[in-house]
Amino acid sequence: MPVIKILPHPEYCPNGAEVTAPSGTSICEALLDNDIEIEHACEMSCACTTCHVVVREGFASLGEMDESEEDLLDRAWGLEPTSRLSCQAILSNQDVTIEIPKYSINHAKEGR
């Protein structure tokens, strides 16, 4: 199973983390399954950018980006060339390292 290394984030995982998930799982699902409560305002339906992550290592190993994701990413805060919506970034067999941006466009967080 691939390992997802999450770089430290002050809110979601202050010390960073490493989780494993089966190939074919989205990064968002893997984080949520391992108690890293990344935002996902659209419930992983590729309709917002709150689950935006920057893939620091392993970008090319993720499933291909479709046009819907590309269009949405244009609205993401802190967009970088290796940005992905974690709900659409599907793991293969390779490990990845991600960074969760400090901010998202979601100004109202539920349950926080």
PDB file of N, CA and C in Angstrom:
ATOM      1  N   MET A   1       0.840  -1.188   0.000  1.00  0.00           N
ATOM      2  CA  MET A   1       0.000   0.000   0.000  1.00  0.00           C
ATOM      3  C   MET A   1       0.883   1.250   0.000  1.00  0.00           C
ATOM      4  N   PRO A   2       0.481   2.246  -0.801  1.00  0.00           N
ATOM      5  CA  PRO A   2       1.267   3.476  -0.817  1.00  0.00           C
ATOM      6  C   PRO A   2       1.135   4.254   0.492  1.00  0.00           C
ATOM      7  N   VAL A   3       2.183   5.002   0.788  1.00  0.00           N
ATOM      8  CA  VAL A   3       2.224   5.860   1.973  1.00  0.00           C
ATOM      9  C   VAL A   3       1.987   7.302   1.528  1.00  0.00           C
ATOM     10  N   ILE A   4       1.148   8.004   2.268  1.00  0.00           N
ATOM     11  CA  ILE A   4       0.957   9.439   2.049  1.00  0.00           C
ATOM     12  C   ILE A   4       1.642  10.142   3.212  1.00  0.00           C
ATOM     13  N   LYS A   5       2.650  10.924   2.895  1.00  0.00           N
ATOM     14  CA  LYS A   5       3.320  11.726   3.910  1.00  0.00           C
ATOM     15  C   LYS A   5       2.685  13.113   3.868  1.00  0.00           C
ATOM     16  N   ILE A   6       2.165  13.561   5.007  1.00  0.00           N
ATOM     17  CA  ILE A   6       1.521  14.864   5.104  1.00  0.00           C
ATOM     18  C   ILE A   6       2.469  15.792   5.849  1.00  0.00           C
ATOM     19  N   LEU A   7       2.863  16.861   5.186  1.00  0.00           N
ATOM     20  CA  LEU A   7       3.746  17.831   5.832  1.00  0.00           C
ATOM     21  C   LEU A   7       2.984  18.549   6.941  1.00  0.00           C
ATOM     22  N   PRO A   8       3.680  19.054   7.956  1.00  0.00           N
ATOM     23  CA  PRO A   8       2.989  19.703   9.082  1.00  0.00           C
ATOM     24  C   PRO A   8       2.038  20.817   8.625  1.00  0.00           C
ATOM     25  N   HIS A   9       0.868  20.840   9.244  1.00  0.00           N
ATOM     26  CA  HIS A   9      -0.147  21.874   9.025  1.00  0.00           C
ATOM     27  C   HIS A   9      -0.645  22.274  10.402  1.00  0.00           C
ATOM     28  N   PRO A  10      -0.694  23.572  10.714  1.00  0.00           N
ATOM     29  CA  PRO A  10      -1.024  24.002  12.082  1.00  0.00           C
ATOM     30  C   PRO A  10      -2.369  23.505  12.608  1.00  0.00           C
ATOM     31  N   GLU A  11      -3.328  23.260  11.729  1.00  0.00           N
ATOM     32  CA  GLU A  11      -4.657  22.852  12.179  1.00  0.00           C
ATOM     33  C   GLU A  11      -4.909  21.355  12.039  1.00  0.00           C
ATOM     34  N   TYR A  12      -4.570  20.782  10.911  1.00  0.00           N
ATOM     35  CA  TYR A  12      -4.946  19.404  10.619  1.00  0.00           C
ATOM     36  C   TYR A  12      -3.980  18.367  11.171  1.00  0.00           C
ATOM     37  N   CYS A  13      -2.698  18.649  11.138  1.00  0.00           N
ATOM     38  CA  CYS A  13      -1.702  17.717  11.693  1.00  0.00           C
ATOM     39  C   CYS A  13      -0.427  18.508  11.985  1.00  0.00           C
ATOM     40  N   PRO A  14      -0.375  19.146  13.153  1.00  0.00           N
ATOM     41  CA  PRO A  14       0.742  20.034  13.497  1.00  0.00           C
ATOM     42  C   PRO A  14       2.121  19.382  13.407  1.00  0.00           C
ATOM     43  N   ASN A  15       2.215  18.094  13.634  1.00  0.00           N
ATOM     44  CA  ASN A  15       3.506  17.410  13.590  1.00  0.00           C
ATOM     45  C   ASN A  15       3.729  16.666  12.278  1.00  0.00           C
ATOM     46  N   GLY A  16       2.831  16.841  11.332  1.00  0.00           N
ATOM     47  CA  GLY A  16       2.903  16.054  10.117  1.00  0.00           C
ATOM     48  C   GLY A  16       2.387  14.653  10.407  1.00  0.00           C
ATOM     49  N   ALA A  17       2.288  13.845   9.382  1.00  0.00           N
ATOM     50  CA  ALA A  17       1.784  12.482   9.578  1.00  0.00           C
ATOM     51  C   ALA A  17       2.140  11.635   8.369  1.00  0.00           C
ATOM     52  N   GLU A  18       2.045  10.328   8.566  1.00  0.00           N
ATOM     53  CA  GLU A  18       2.165   9.370   7.474  1.00  0.00           C
ATOM     54  C   GLU A  18       1.028   8.378   7.616  1.00  0.00           C
ATOM     55  N   VAL A  19       0.304   8.151   6.520  1.00  0.00           N
ATOM     56  CA  VAL A  19      -0.796   7.192   6.521  1.00  0.00           C
ATOM     57  C   VAL A  19      -0.651   6.293   5.301  1.00  0.00           C
ATOM     58  N   THR A  20      -1.235   5.130   5.374  1.00  0.00           N
ATOM     59  CA  THR A  20      -1.257   4.228   4.227  1.00  0.00           C
ATOM     60  C   THR A  20      -2.694   4.074   3.759  1.00  0.00           C
ATOM     61  N   ALA A  21      -2.842   3.771   2.482  1.00  0.00           N
ATOM     62  CA  ALA A  21      -4.173   3.563   1.911  1.00  0.00           C
ATOM     63  C   ALA A  21      -4.030   2.657   0.696  1.00  0.00           C
ATOM     64  N   PRO A  22      -5.056   1.903   0.396  1.00  0.00           N
ATOM     65  CA  PRO A  22      -4.991   1.036  -0.784  1.00  0.00           C
ATOM     66  C   PRO A  22      -4.917   1.854  -2.074  1.00  0.00           C
ATOM     67  N   SER A  23      -4.241   1.311  -3.065  1.00  0.00           N
ATOM     68  CA  SER A  23      -4.257   1.925  -4.397  1.00  0.00           C
ATOM     69  C   SER A  23      -5.701   2.056  -4.838  1.00  0.00           C
ATOM     70  N   GLY A  24      -6.014   3.130  -5.562  1.00  0.00           N
ATOM     71  CA  GLY A  24      -7.385   3.358  -6.007  1.00  0.00           C
ATOM     72  C   GLY A  24      -8.190   4.231  -5.060  1.00  0.00           C
ATOM     73  N   THR A  25      -7.595   4.589  -3.919  1.00  0.00           N
ATOM     74  CA  THR A  25      -8.243   5.453  -2.934  1.00  0.00           C
ATOM     75  C   THR A  25      -7.858   6.899  -3.231  1.00  0.00           C
ATOM     76  N   SER A  26      -8.790   7.820  -3.013  1.00  0.00           N
ATOM     77  CA  SER A  26      -8.430   9.231  -3.172  1.00  0.00           C
ATOM     78  C   SER A  26      -7.635   9.681  -1.948  1.00  0.00           C
ATOM     79  N   ILE A  27      -6.812  10.690  -2.148  1.00  0.00           N
ATOM     80  CA  ILE A  27      -6.046  11.237  -1.027  1.00  0.00           C
ATOM     81  C   ILE A  27      -7.002  11.733   0.058  1.00  0.00           C
ATOM     82  N   CYS A  28      -8.089  12.382  -0.325  1.00  0.00           N
ATOM     83  CA  CYS A  28      -9.055  12.898   0.653  1.00  0.00           C
ATOM     84  C   CYS A  28      -9.631  11.762   1.501  1.00  0.00           C
ATOM     85  N   GLU A  29     -10.065  10.689   0.872  1.00  0.00           N
ATOM     86  CA  GLU A  29     -10.611   9.544   1.607  1.00  0.00           C
ATOM     87  C   GLU A  29      -9.575   8.978   2.573  1.00  0.00           C
ATOM     88  N   ALA A  30      -8.340   8.864   2.105  1.00  0.00           N
ATOM     89  CA  ALA A  30      -7.277   8.308   2.952  1.00  0.00           C
ATOM     90  C   ALA A  30      -7.037   9.185   4.173  1.00  0.00           C
ATOM     91  N   LEU A  31      -7.029  10.503   3.980  1.00  0.00           N
ATOM     92  CA  LEU A  31      -6.819  11.391   5.124  1.00  0.00           C
ATOM     93  C   LEU A  31      -7.969  11.280   6.114  1.00  0.00           C
ATOM     94  N   LEU A  32      -9.187  11.340   5.607  1.00  0.00           N
ATOM     95  CA  LEU A  32     -10.357  11.256   6.490  1.00  0.00           C
ATOM     96  C   LEU A  32     -10.412   9.915   7.224  1.00  0.00           C
ATOM     97  N   ASP A  33     -10.060   8.830   6.540  1.00  0.00           N
ATOM     98  CA  ASP A  33     -10.059   7.500   7.160  1.00  0.00           C
ATOM     99  C   ASP A  33      -9.027   7.394   8.281  1.00  0.00           C
ATOM    100  N   ASN A  34      -8.054   8.301   8.264  1.00  0.00           N
ATOM    101  CA  ASN A  34      -6.996   8.287   9.276  1.00  0.00           C
ATOM    102  C   ASN A  34      -7.072   9.498  10.213  1.00  0.00           C
ATOM    103  N   ASP A  35      -8.281  10.024  10.379  1.00  0.00           N
ATOM    104  CA  ASP A  35      -8.572  11.101  11.337  1.00  0.00           C
ATOM    105  C   ASP A  35      -7.839  12.404  11.062  1.00  0.00           C
ATOM    106  N   ILE A  36      -7.504  12.662   9.802  1.00  0.00           N
ATOM    107  CA  ILE A  36      -6.983  13.971   9.401  1.00  0.00           C
ATOM    108  C   ILE A  36      -8.144  14.646   8.687  1.00  0.00           C
ATOM    109  N   GLU A  37      -8.811  15.535   9.393  1.00  0.00           N
ATOM    110  CA  GLU A  37     -10.098  16.086   8.978  1.00  0.00           C
ATOM    111  C   GLU A  37      -9.962  17.234   7.978  1.00  0.00           C
ATOM    112  N   ILE A  38      -9.394  16.936   6.811  1.00  0.00           N
ATOM    113  CA  ILE A  38      -9.269  17.937   5.758  1.00  0.00           C
ATOM    114  C   ILE A  38     -10.664  18.399   5.339  1.00  0.00           C
ATOM    115  N   GLU A  39     -10.763  19.672   4.979  1.00  0.00           N
ATOM    116  CA  GLU A  39     -12.054  20.191   4.525  1.00  0.00           C
ATOM    117  C   GLU A  39     -12.465  19.497   3.228  1.00  0.00           C
ATOM    118  N   HIS A  40     -13.754  19.319   3.070  1.00  0.00           N
ATOM    119  CA  HIS A  40     -14.318  18.734   1.855  1.00  0.00           C
ATOM    120  C   HIS A  40     -15.783  19.150   1.770  1.00  0.00           C
ATOM    121  N   ALA A  41     -15.983  20.442   1.563  1.00  0.00           N
ATOM    122  CA  ALA A  41     -17.313  21.047   1.645  1.00  0.00           C
ATOM    123  C   ALA A  41     -18.326  20.442   0.676  1.00  0.00           C
ATOM    124  N   CYS A  42     -17.876  19.931  -0.456  1.00  0.00           N
ATOM    125  CA  CYS A  42     -18.818  19.374  -1.442  1.00  0.00           C
ATOM    126  C   CYS A  42     -18.968  17.863  -1.287  1.00  0.00           C
ATOM    127  N   GLU A  43     -18.465  17.328  -0.190  1.00  0.00           N
ATOM    128  CA  GLU A  43     -18.550  15.885   0.078  1.00  0.00           C
ATOM    129  C   GLU A  43     -17.890  15.056  -1.025  1.00  0.00           C
ATOM    130  N   MET A  44     -16.748  15.549  -1.512  1.00  0.00           N
ATOM    131  CA  MET A  44     -15.904  14.841  -2.481  1.00  0.00           C
ATOM    132  C   MET A  44     -16.564  14.641  -3.839  1.00  0.00           C
ATOM    133  N   SER A  45     -17.366  15.623  -4.283  1.00  0.00           N
ATOM    134  CA  SER A  45     -18.043  15.511  -5.578  1.00  0.00           C
ATOM    135  C   SER A  45     -17.421  16.388  -6.662  1.00  0.00           C
ATOM    136  N   CYS A  46     -16.227  16.906  -6.420  1.00  0.00           N
ATOM    137  CA  CYS A  46     -15.513  17.747  -7.387  1.00  0.00           C
ATOM    138  C   CYS A  46     -16.327  18.988  -7.739  1.00  0.00           C
ATOM    139  N   ALA A  47     -16.837  19.663  -6.681  1.00  0.00           N
ATOM    140  CA  ALA A  47     -17.638  20.863  -6.893  1.00  0.00           C
ATOM    141  C   ALA A  47     -17.096  22.078  -6.146  1.00  0.00           C
ATOM    142  N   CYS A  48     -15.961  21.926  -5.449  1.00  0.00           N
ATOM    143  CA  CYS A  48     -15.369  23.050  -4.723  1.00  0.00           C
ATOM    144  C   CYS A  48     -13.854  22.849  -4.695  1.00  0.00           C
ATOM    145  N   THR A  49     -13.161  23.668  -3.939  1.00  0.00           N
ATOM    146  CA  THR A  49     -11.696  23.530  -3.855  1.00  0.00           C
ATOM    147  C   THR A  49     -11.205  23.397  -2.416  1.00  0.00           C
ATOM    148  N   THR A  50     -12.087  23.116  -1.477  1.00  0.00           N
ATOM    149  CA  THR A  50     -11.678  23.102  -0.075  1.00  0.00           C
ATOM    150  C   THR A  50     -10.728  21.965   0.273  1.00  0.00           C
ATOM    151  N   CYS A  51     -10.662  20.925  -0.548  1.00  0.00           N
ATOM    152  CA  CYS A  51      -9.751  19.800  -0.270  1.00  0.00           C
ATOM    153  C   CYS A  51      -8.451  19.915  -1.058  1.00  0.00           C
ATOM    154  N   HIS A  52      -8.157  21.092  -1.565  1.00  0.00           N
ATOM    155  CA  HIS A  52      -6.946  21.342  -2.360  1.00  0.00           C
ATOM    156  C   HIS A  52      -5.693  20.970  -1.575  1.00  0.00           C
ATOM    157  N   VAL A  53      -4.784  20.245  -2.233  1.00  0.00           N
ATOM    158  CA  VAL A  53      -3.472  19.927  -1.670  1.00  0.00           C
ATOM    159  C   VAL A  53      -2.412  20.201  -2.736  1.00  0.00           C
ATOM    160  N   VAL A  54      -1.182  20.383  -2.278  1.00  0.00           N
ATOM    161  CA  VAL A  54      -0.045  20.511  -3.188  1.00  0.00           C
ATOM    162  C   VAL A  54       0.770  19.235  -3.039  1.00  0.00           C
ATOM    163  N   VAL A  55       0.987  18.549  -4.142  1.00  0.00           N
ATOM    164  CA  VAL A  55       1.719  17.293  -4.130  1.00  0.00           C
ATOM    165  C   VAL A  55       3.201  17.619  -4.300  1.00  0.00           C
ATOM    166  N   ARG A  56       3.968  17.377  -3.247  1.00  0.00           N
ATOM    167  CA  ARG A  56       5.392  17.710  -3.262  1.00  0.00           C
ATOM    168  C   ARG A  56       6.244  16.585  -3.857  1.00  0.00           C
ATOM    169  N   GLU A  57       5.791  15.343  -3.721  1.00  0.00           N
ATOM    170  CA  GLU A  57       6.481  14.193  -4.318  1.00  0.00           C
ATOM    171  C   GLU A  57       5.432  13.189  -4.773  1.00  0.00           C
ATOM    172  N   GLY A  58       5.659  12.592  -5.943  1.00  0.00           N
ATOM    173  CA  GLY A  58       4.767  11.554  -6.435  1.00  0.00           C
ATOM    174  C   GLY A  58       3.620  12.056  -7.301  1.00  0.00           C
ATOM    175  N   PHE A  59       3.672  13.300  -7.737  1.00  0.00           N
ATOM    176  CA  PHE A  59       2.582  13.901  -8.530  1.00  0.00           C
ATOM    177  C   PHE A  59       2.243  13.059  -9.759  1.00  0.00           C
ATOM    178  N   ALA A  60       3.252  12.635 -10.494  1.00  0.00           N
ATOM    179  CA  ALA A  60       3.029  11.908 -11.753  1.00  0.00           C
ATOM    180  C   ALA A  60       2.385  10.543 -11.542  1.00  0.00           C
ATOM    181  N   SER A  61       2.454  10.021 -10.325  1.00  0.00           N
ATOM    182  CA  SER A  61       1.895   8.693 -10.079  1.00  0.00           C
ATOM    183  C   SER A  61       0.380   8.724  -9.848  1.00  0.00           C
ATOM    184  N   LEU A  62      -0.176   9.899  -9.603  1.00  0.00           N
ATOM    185  CA  LEU A  62      -1.610  10.004  -9.313  1.00  0.00           C
ATOM    186  C   LEU A  62      -2.428   9.865 -10.593  1.00  0.00           C
ATOM    187  N   GLY A  63      -3.685   9.459 -10.426  1.00  0.00           N
ATOM    188  CA  GLY A  63      -4.583   9.360 -11.575  1.00  0.00           C
ATOM    189  C   GLY A  63      -4.648  10.688 -12.312  1.00  0.00           C
ATOM    190  N   GLU A  64      -4.957  10.631 -13.593  1.00  0.00           N
ATOM    191  CA  GLU A  64      -4.984  11.829 -14.418  1.00  0.00           C
ATOM    192  C   GLU A  64      -6.054  12.818 -13.980  1.00  0.00           C
ATOM    193  N   MET A  65      -5.752  14.093 -14.168  1.00  0.00           N
ATOM    194  CA  MET A  65      -6.674  15.161 -13.830  1.00  0.00           C
ATOM    195  C   MET A  65      -7.660  15.343 -14.993  1.00  0.00           C
ATOM    196  N   ASP A  66      -8.952  15.462 -14.665  1.00  0.00           N
ATOM    197  CA  ASP A  66      -9.911  15.712 -15.741  1.00  0.00           C
ATOM    198  C   ASP A  66     -10.196  17.215 -15.841  1.00  0.00           C
ATOM    199  N   GLU A  67     -10.966  17.579 -16.838  1.00  0.00           N
ATOM    200  CA  GLU A  67     -11.229  18.993 -17.112  1.00  0.00           C
ATOM    201  C   GLU A  67     -11.963  19.688 -15.965  1.00  0.00           C
ATOM    202  N   SER A  68     -12.888  18.993 -15.297  1.00  0.00           N
ATOM    203  CA  SER A  68     -13.628  19.588 -14.167  1.00  0.00           C
ATOM    204  C   SER A  68     -12.679  20.000 -13.060  1.00  0.00           C
ATOM    205  N   GLU A  69     -11.743  19.112 -12.735  1.00  0.00           N
ATOM    206  CA  GLU A  69     -10.780  19.415 -11.677  1.00  0.00           C
ATOM    207  C   GLU A  69      -9.889  20.579 -12.094  1.00  0.00           C
ATOM    208  N   GLU A  70      -9.416  20.567 -13.328  1.00  0.00           N
ATOM    209  CA  GLU A  70      -8.570  21.664 -13.804  1.00  0.00           C
ATOM    210  C   GLU A  70      -9.286  23.002 -13.692  1.00  0.00           C
ATOM    211  N   ASP A  71     -10.556  23.044 -14.086  1.00  0.00           N
ATOM    212  CA  ASP A  71     -11.327  24.283 -14.020  1.00  0.00           C
ATOM    213  C   ASP A  71     -11.501  24.765 -12.587  1.00  0.00           C
ATOM    214  N   LEU A  72     -11.788  23.852 -11.669  1.00  0.00           N
ATOM    215  CA  LEU A  72     -11.971  24.228 -10.268  1.00  0.00           C
ATOM    216  C   LEU A  72     -10.673  24.704  -9.632  1.00  0.00           C
ATOM    217  N   LEU A  73      -9.587  24.050  -9.959  1.00  0.00           N
ATOM    218  CA  LEU A  73      -8.304  24.412  -9.349  1.00  0.00           C
ATOM    219  C   LEU A  73      -7.923  25.866  -9.622  1.00  0.00           C
ATOM    220  N   ASP A  74      -8.406  26.420 -10.718  1.00  0.00           N
ATOM    221  CA  ASP A  74      -8.115  27.825 -11.014  1.00  0.00           C
ATOM    222  C   ASP A  74      -8.604  28.750  -9.898  1.00  0.00           C
ATOM    223  N   ARG A  75      -9.551  28.292  -9.098  1.00  0.00           N
ATOM    224  CA  ARG A  75     -10.113  29.105  -8.009  1.00  0.00           C
ATOM    225  C   ARG A  75      -9.480  28.807  -6.643  1.00  0.00           C
ATOM    226  N   ALA A  76      -8.577  27.859  -6.588  1.00  0.00           N
ATOM    227  CA  ALA A  76      -7.989  27.438  -5.309  1.00  0.00           C
ATOM    228  C   ALA A  76      -6.991  28.472  -4.795  1.00  0.00           C
ATOM    229  N   TRP A  77      -6.978  28.654  -3.484  1.00  0.00           N
ATOM    230  CA  TRP A  77      -6.006  29.546  -2.860  1.00  0.00           C
ATOM    231  C   TRP A  77      -4.644  28.866  -2.878  1.00  0.00           C
ATOM    232  N   GLY A  78      -3.593  29.606  -3.256  1.00  0.00           N
ATOM    233  CA  GLY A  78      -2.238  29.066  -3.217  1.00  0.00           C
ATOM    234  C   GLY A  78      -1.953  28.047  -4.301  1.00  0.00           C
ATOM    235  N   LEU A  79      -2.583  28.187  -5.448  1.00  0.00           N
ATOM    236  CA  LEU A  79      -2.415  27.240  -6.548  1.00  0.00           C
ATOM    237  C   LEU A  79      -0.953  27.135  -6.979  1.00  0.00           C
ATOM    238  N   GLU A  80      -0.489  25.899  -7.177  1.00  0.00           N
ATOM    239  CA  GLU A  80       0.868  25.625  -7.651  1.00  0.00           C
ATOM    240  C   GLU A  80       0.781  24.626  -8.798  1.00  0.00           C
ATOM    241  N   PRO A  81       1.860  24.469  -9.575  1.00  0.00           N
ATOM    242  CA  PRO A  81       1.812  23.523 -10.696  1.00  0.00           C
ATOM    243  C   PRO A  81       1.474  22.088 -10.290  1.00  0.00           C
ATOM    244  N   THR A  82       1.761  21.714  -9.053  1.00  0.00           N
ATOM    245  CA  THR A  82       1.459  20.345  -8.604  1.00  0.00           C
ATOM    246  C   THR A  82       0.259  20.303  -7.655  1.00  0.00           C
ATOM    247  N   SER A  83      -0.654  21.260  -7.807  1.00  0.00           N
ATOM    248  CA  SER A  83      -1.888  21.267  -7.012  1.00  0.00           C
ATOM    249  C   SER A  83      -2.859  20.225  -7.537  1.00  0.00           C
ATOM    250  N   ARG A  84      -3.603  19.623  -6.615  1.00  0.00           N
ATOM    251  CA  ARG A  84      -4.676  18.686  -6.957  1.00  0.00           C
ATOM    252  C   ARG A  84      -5.807  18.868  -5.956  1.00  0.00           C
ATOM    253  N   LEU A  85      -7.012  18.503  -6.368  1.00  0.00           N
ATOM    254  CA  LEU A  85      -8.106  18.357  -5.418  1.00  0.00           C
ATOM    255  C   LEU A  85      -7.934  16.965  -4.832  1.00  0.00           C
ATOM    256  N   SER A  86      -7.805  16.885  -3.530  1.00  0.00           N
ATOM    257  CA  SER A  86      -7.501  15.583  -2.929  1.00  0.00           C
ATOM    258  C   SER A  86      -8.619  14.567  -3.138  1.00  0.00           C
ATOM    259  N   CYS A  87      -9.848  15.040  -3.376  1.00  0.00           N
ATOM    260  CA  CYS A  87     -10.948  14.105  -3.626  1.00  0.00           C
ATOM    261  C   CYS A  87     -10.861  13.478  -5.008  1.00  0.00           C
ATOM    262  N   GLN A  88     -10.058  14.063  -5.890  1.00  0.00           N
ATOM    263  CA  GLN A  88      -9.918  13.559  -7.251  1.00  0.00           C
ATOM    264  C   GLN A  88      -8.562  12.923  -7.512  1.00  0.00           C
ATOM    265  N   ALA A  89      -7.617  13.100  -6.589  1.00  0.00           N
ATOM    266  CA  ALA A  89      -6.259  12.565  -6.742  1.00  0.00           C
ATOM    267  C   ALA A  89      -6.252  11.118  -6.254  1.00  0.00           C
ATOM    268  N   ILE A  90      -6.218  10.185  -7.189  1.00  0.00           N
ATOM    269  CA  ILE A  90      -6.320   8.757  -6.881  1.00  0.00           C
ATOM    270  C   ILE A  90      -4.921   8.142  -6.795  1.00  0.00           C
ATOM    271  N   LEU A  91      -4.687   7.445  -5.694  1.00  0.00           N
ATOM    272  CA  LEU A  91      -3.382   6.829  -5.451  1.00  0.00           C
ATOM    273  C   LEU A  91      -3.135   5.635  -6.365  1.00  0.00           C
ATOM    274  N   SER A  92      -1.879   5.511  -6.784  1.00  0.00           N
ATOM    275  CA  SER A  92      -1.442   4.305  -7.492  1.00  0.00           C
ATOM    276  C   SER A  92      -0.660   3.482  -6.474  1.00  0.00           C
ATOM    277  N   ASN A  93       0.456   2.901  -6.882  1.00  0.00           N
ATOM    278  CA  ASN A  93       1.279   2.122  -5.947  1.00  0.00           C
ATOM    279  C   ASN A  93       2.454   2.907  -5.394  1.00  0.00           C
ATOM    280  N   GLN A  94       2.602   4.162  -5.801  1.00  0.00           N
ATOM    281  CA  GLN A  94       3.748   4.966  -5.389  1.00  0.00           C
ATOM    282  C   GLN A  94       3.401   5.858  -4.202  1.00  0.00           C
ATOM    283  N   ASP A  95       4.373   6.047  -3.312  1.00  0.00           N
ATOM    284  CA  ASP A  95       4.201   6.946  -2.171  1.00  0.00           C
ATOM    285  C   ASP A  95       4.106   8.388  -2.657  1.00  0.00           C
ATOM    286  N   VAL A  96       3.392   9.211  -1.906  1.00  0.00           N
ATOM    287  CA  VAL A  96       3.287  10.633  -2.224  1.00  0.00           C
ATOM    288  C   VAL A  96       3.522  11.462  -0.968  1.00  0.00           C
ATOM    289  N   THR A  97       3.988  12.673  -1.178  1.00  0.00           N
ATOM    290  CA  THR A  97       4.133  13.653  -0.101  1.00  0.00           C
ATOM    291  C   THR A  97       3.254  14.833  -0.473  1.00  0.00           C
ATOM    292  N   ILE A  98       2.409  15.265   0.481  1.00  0.00           N
ATOM    293  CA  ILE A  98       1.503  16.379   0.204  1.00  0.00           C
ATOM    294  C   ILE A  98       1.638  17.471   1.253  1.00  0.00           C
ATOM    295  N   GLU A  99       1.233  18.646   0.850  1.00  0.00           N
ATOM    296  CA  GLU A  99       1.130  19.784   1.752  1.00  0.00           C
ATOM    297  C   GLU A  99      -0.295  20.305   1.651  1.00  0.00           C
ATOM    298  N   ILE A 100      -0.942  20.488   2.788  1.00  0.00           N
ATOM    299  CA  ILE A 100      -2.273  21.086   2.814  1.00  0.00           C
ATOM    300  C   ILE A 100      -2.060  22.590   2.952  1.00  0.00           C
ATOM    301  N   PRO A 101      -2.554  23.386   1.995  1.00  0.00           N
ATOM    302  CA  PRO A 101      -2.355  24.830   2.093  1.00  0.00           C
ATOM    303  C   PRO A 101      -2.923  25.397   3.393  1.00  0.00           C
ATOM    304  N   LYS A 102      -2.325  26.479   3.834  1.00  0.00           N
ATOM    305  CA  LYS A 102      -2.725  27.095   5.096  1.00  0.00           C
ATOM    306  C   LYS A 102      -4.160  27.609   5.046  1.00  0.00           C
ATOM    307  N   TYR A 103      -4.595  28.054   3.892  1.00  0.00           N
ATOM    308  CA  TYR A 103      -5.939  28.631   3.754  1.00  0.00           C
ATOM    309  C   TYR A 103      -6.701  27.932   2.646  1.00  0.00           C
ATOM    310  N   SER A 104      -8.017  28.059   2.708  1.00  0.00           N
ATOM    311  CA  SER A 104      -8.864  27.638   1.594  1.00  0.00           C
ATOM    312  C   SER A 104      -9.855  28.767   1.350  1.00  0.00           C
ATOM    313  N   ILE A 105     -10.655  28.635   0.297  1.00  0.00           N
ATOM    314  CA  ILE A 105     -11.640  29.675   0.031  1.00  0.00           C
ATOM    315  C   ILE A 105     -12.876  29.520   0.910  1.00  0.00           C
ATOM    316  N   ASN A 106     -12.924  28.493   1.726  1.00  0.00           N
ATOM    317  CA  ASN A 106     -14.052  28.259   2.609  1.00  0.00           C
ATOM    318  C   ASN A 106     -13.901  29.119   3.862  1.00  0.00           C
ATOM    319  N   HIS A 107     -14.678  30.184   3.948  1.00  0.00           N
ATOM    320  CA  HIS A 107     -14.565  31.097   5.078  1.00  0.00           C
ATOM    321  C   HIS A 107     -15.306  30.605   6.320  1.00  0.00           C
ATOM    322  N   ALA A 108     -16.305  29.750   6.120  1.00  0.00           N
ATOM    323  CA  ALA A 108     -17.086  29.246   7.243  1.00  0.00           C
ATOM    324  C   ALA A 108     -16.875  27.749   7.354  1.00  0.00           C
ATOM    325  N   LYS A 109     -16.166  27.331   8.388  1.00  0.00           N
ATOM    326  CA  LYS A 109     -15.909  25.907   8.587  1.00  0.00           C
ATOM    327  C   LYS A 109     -16.940  25.356   9.558  1.00  0.00           C
ATOM    328  N   GLU A 110     -17.558  24.272   9.172  1.00  0.00           N
ATOM    329  CA  GLU A 110     -18.537  23.653  10.063  1.00  0.00           C
ATOM    330  C   GLU A 110     -17.842  22.807  11.113  1.00  0.00           C
ATOM    331  N   GLY A 111     -18.394  22.810  12.302  1.00  0.00           N
ATOM    332  CA  GLY A 111     -17.886  21.951  13.362  1.00  0.00           C
ATOM    333  C   GLY A 111     -16.545  22.371  13.936  1.00  0.00           C
ATOM    334  N   ARG A 112     -16.149  23.607  13.744  1.00  0.00           N
ATOM    335  CA  ARG A 112     -14.870  24.074  14.274  1.00  0.00           C
ATOM    336  C   ARG A 112     -15.064  25.334  15.060  1.00  0.00           C
TER     337      ARG A 112
END
